[in-house]
Amino acid sequence: MAKELILILGEGNFSFTVALLEKLHSNGHQFFIYSTSFDSYEEVEKKYPESRSLFKKITESINVKLLHEVNATVSLKQTLLREKCDVNVFEHVVFNFPHLGVEDAAMHKRMIAHIFYR
């Protein structure tokens, strides 16, 4: 059975990634998760102190790759190519309301439209 590829956009403290990881492991799924954050690793730790324990759980798994400083409108494709992963191969894409670092609904609409544009 091939591994399902999952892309998570817009993680905050990475608690969703940990919950999904635990659920998929308990169900015996074959999977690999690319979990992304707009913020740098350091910014995530500063904003969300609980992220340190979550990062520890994630790094214990061989089924997750954390990607920081990912701007889904500008660098998503380039980031995934650096990881040797084609953006078109994901079976599941999770939107945790990816954030652009500003409160601007129009910019967020454009970002989502950009992601779905082929």
Protein backbone atom coordinates (compact mmCIF):
# COMPACT_ATOMS: atom_id res chain seq x y z
CA MET A 1 0.00 0.00 0.00
CA ALA A 2 1.37 3.43 -0.96
CA LYS A 3 1.66 6.16 1.62
CA GLU A 4 -0.97 8.88 1.51
CA LEU A 5 0.60 12.31 1.27
CA ILE A 6 -0.97 15.02 3.41
CA LEU A 7 -0.22 18.74 3.22
CA ILE A 8 -1.15 20.94 6.17
CA LEU A 9 -1.15 24.67 5.49
CA GLY A 10 -1.31 27.29 8.20
CA GLU A 11 -0.28 25.49 11.36
CA GLY A 12 -0.08 27.64 14.47
CA ASN A 13 1.36 25.70 17.40
CA PHE A 14 1.35 22.38 15.48
CA SER A 15 -1.22 20.78 17.79
CA PHE A 16 -3.34 19.78 14.77
CA THR A 17 -0.35 17.95 13.27
CA VAL A 18 0.21 16.06 16.54
CA ALA A 19 -3.48 15.10 16.80
CA LEU A 20 -3.59 13.93 13.18
CA LEU A 21 -0.35 12.02 13.60
CA GLU A 22 -1.66 10.19 16.66
CA LYS A 23 -5.00 9.40 15.00
CA LEU A 24 -3.42 8.06 11.81
CA HIS A 25 -0.91 5.96 13.75
CA SER A 26 -3.67 4.43 15.88
CA ASN A 27 -5.63 3.50 12.73
CA GLY A 28 -2.62 1.88 11.05
CA HIS A 29 -2.63 4.25 8.05
CA GLN A 30 0.37 4.55 5.76
CA PHE A 31 0.97 8.29 5.48
CA PHE A 32 3.44 11.13 5.31
CA ILE A 33 2.62 14.67 6.45
CA TYR A 34 4.17 17.92 5.27
CA SER A 35 3.13 20.46 7.91
CA THR A 36 3.77 24.13 7.16
CA SER A 37 3.92 27.35 9.08
CA PHE A 38 4.13 30.94 7.86
CA ASP A 39 6.27 31.72 10.91
CA SER A 40 9.86 30.66 11.53
CA TYR A 41 10.59 27.94 14.07
CA GLU A 42 11.70 30.61 16.54
CA GLU A 43 8.56 32.71 15.99
CA VAL A 44 6.34 29.69 16.60
CA GLU A 45 8.16 28.92 19.86
CA LYS A 46 7.83 32.56 20.95
CA LYS A 47 4.11 32.83 20.10
CA TYR A 48 3.17 29.38 21.37
CA PRO A 49 5.29 28.16 24.32
CA GLU A 50 3.47 24.79 24.23
CA SER A 51 4.89 24.19 20.74
CA ARG A 52 8.18 22.93 22.23
CA SER A 53 6.54 19.79 23.61
CA LEU A 54 4.55 19.39 20.38
CA PHE A 55 7.73 19.66 18.26
CA LYS A 56 9.28 16.92 20.40
CA LYS A 57 6.35 14.58 19.64
CA ILE A 58 6.54 15.41 15.93
CA THR A 59 10.29 14.90 15.62
CA GLU A 60 9.93 11.45 17.19
CA SER A 61 7.92 10.45 14.11
CA ILE A 62 9.46 9.58 10.76
CA ASN A 63 6.11 10.37 9.09
CA VAL A 64 6.20 14.17 9.39
CA LYS A 65 8.28 16.93 7.84
CA LEU A 66 7.96 20.41 9.36
CA LEU A 67 8.39 23.34 7.00
CA HIS A 68 8.65 26.85 8.40
CA GLU A 69 8.50 30.27 6.73
CA VAL A 70 6.25 28.95 3.97
CA ASN A 71 4.24 31.58 2.14
CA ALA A 72 1.63 29.53 0.27
CA THR A 73 1.16 32.25 -2.37
CA VAL A 74 4.82 32.75 -3.15
CA SER A 75 7.00 29.89 -2.00
CA LEU A 76 4.85 26.78 -1.56
CA LYS A 77 5.77 25.19 -4.87
CA GLN A 78 9.46 26.09 -4.53
CA THR A 79 9.52 24.80 -0.94
CA LEU A 80 7.95 21.49 -1.92
CA LEU A 81 10.30 21.11 -4.89
CA ARG A 82 13.26 21.60 -2.52
CA GLU A 83 11.78 18.77 -0.48
CA LYS A 84 11.59 16.69 -3.68
CA CYS A 85 7.81 16.67 -3.54
CA ASP A 86 5.46 17.66 -6.35
CA VAL A 87 2.65 19.94 -5.19
CA ASN A 88 0.18 17.91 -7.30
CA VAL A 89 0.66 14.58 -5.49
CA PHE A 90 -1.18 15.24 -2.23
CA GLU A 91 -4.24 13.15 -1.50
CA HIS A 92 -5.28 15.55 1.26
CA VAL A 93 -4.71 19.27 1.79
CA VAL A 94 -5.71 20.70 5.17
CA PHE A 95 -6.32 24.43 5.49
CA ASN A 96 -5.93 25.56 9.09
CA PHE A 97 -6.73 29.03 7.92
CA PRO A 98 -3.28 29.71 6.55
CA HIS A 99 -2.29 33.20 7.61
CA LEU A 100 -0.34 35.82 5.73
CA GLY A 101 0.77 37.70 8.81
CA VAL A 102 -1.81 40.47 8.37
CA GLU A 103 -5.55 40.82 8.91
CA ASP A 104 -6.68 41.33 5.32
CA ALA A 105 -9.59 39.24 4.03
CA ALA A 106 -8.94 40.17 0.38
CA MET A 107 -5.34 39.00 0.57
CA HIS A 108 -6.43 35.72 2.17
CA LYS A 109 -9.01 35.17 -0.60
CA ARG A 110 -6.29 35.71 -3.20
CA MET A 111 -4.00 33.28 -1.41
CA ILE A 112 -6.61 30.53 -1.39
CA ALA A 113 -7.49 31.22 -5.05
CA HIS A 114 -3.78 31.04 -5.90
CA ILE A 115 -3.40 27.68 -4.19
CA PHE A 116 -6.33 26.19 -6.10
CA TYR A 117 -5.31 27.66 -9.46
CA ARG A 118 -3.70 25.13 -11.79
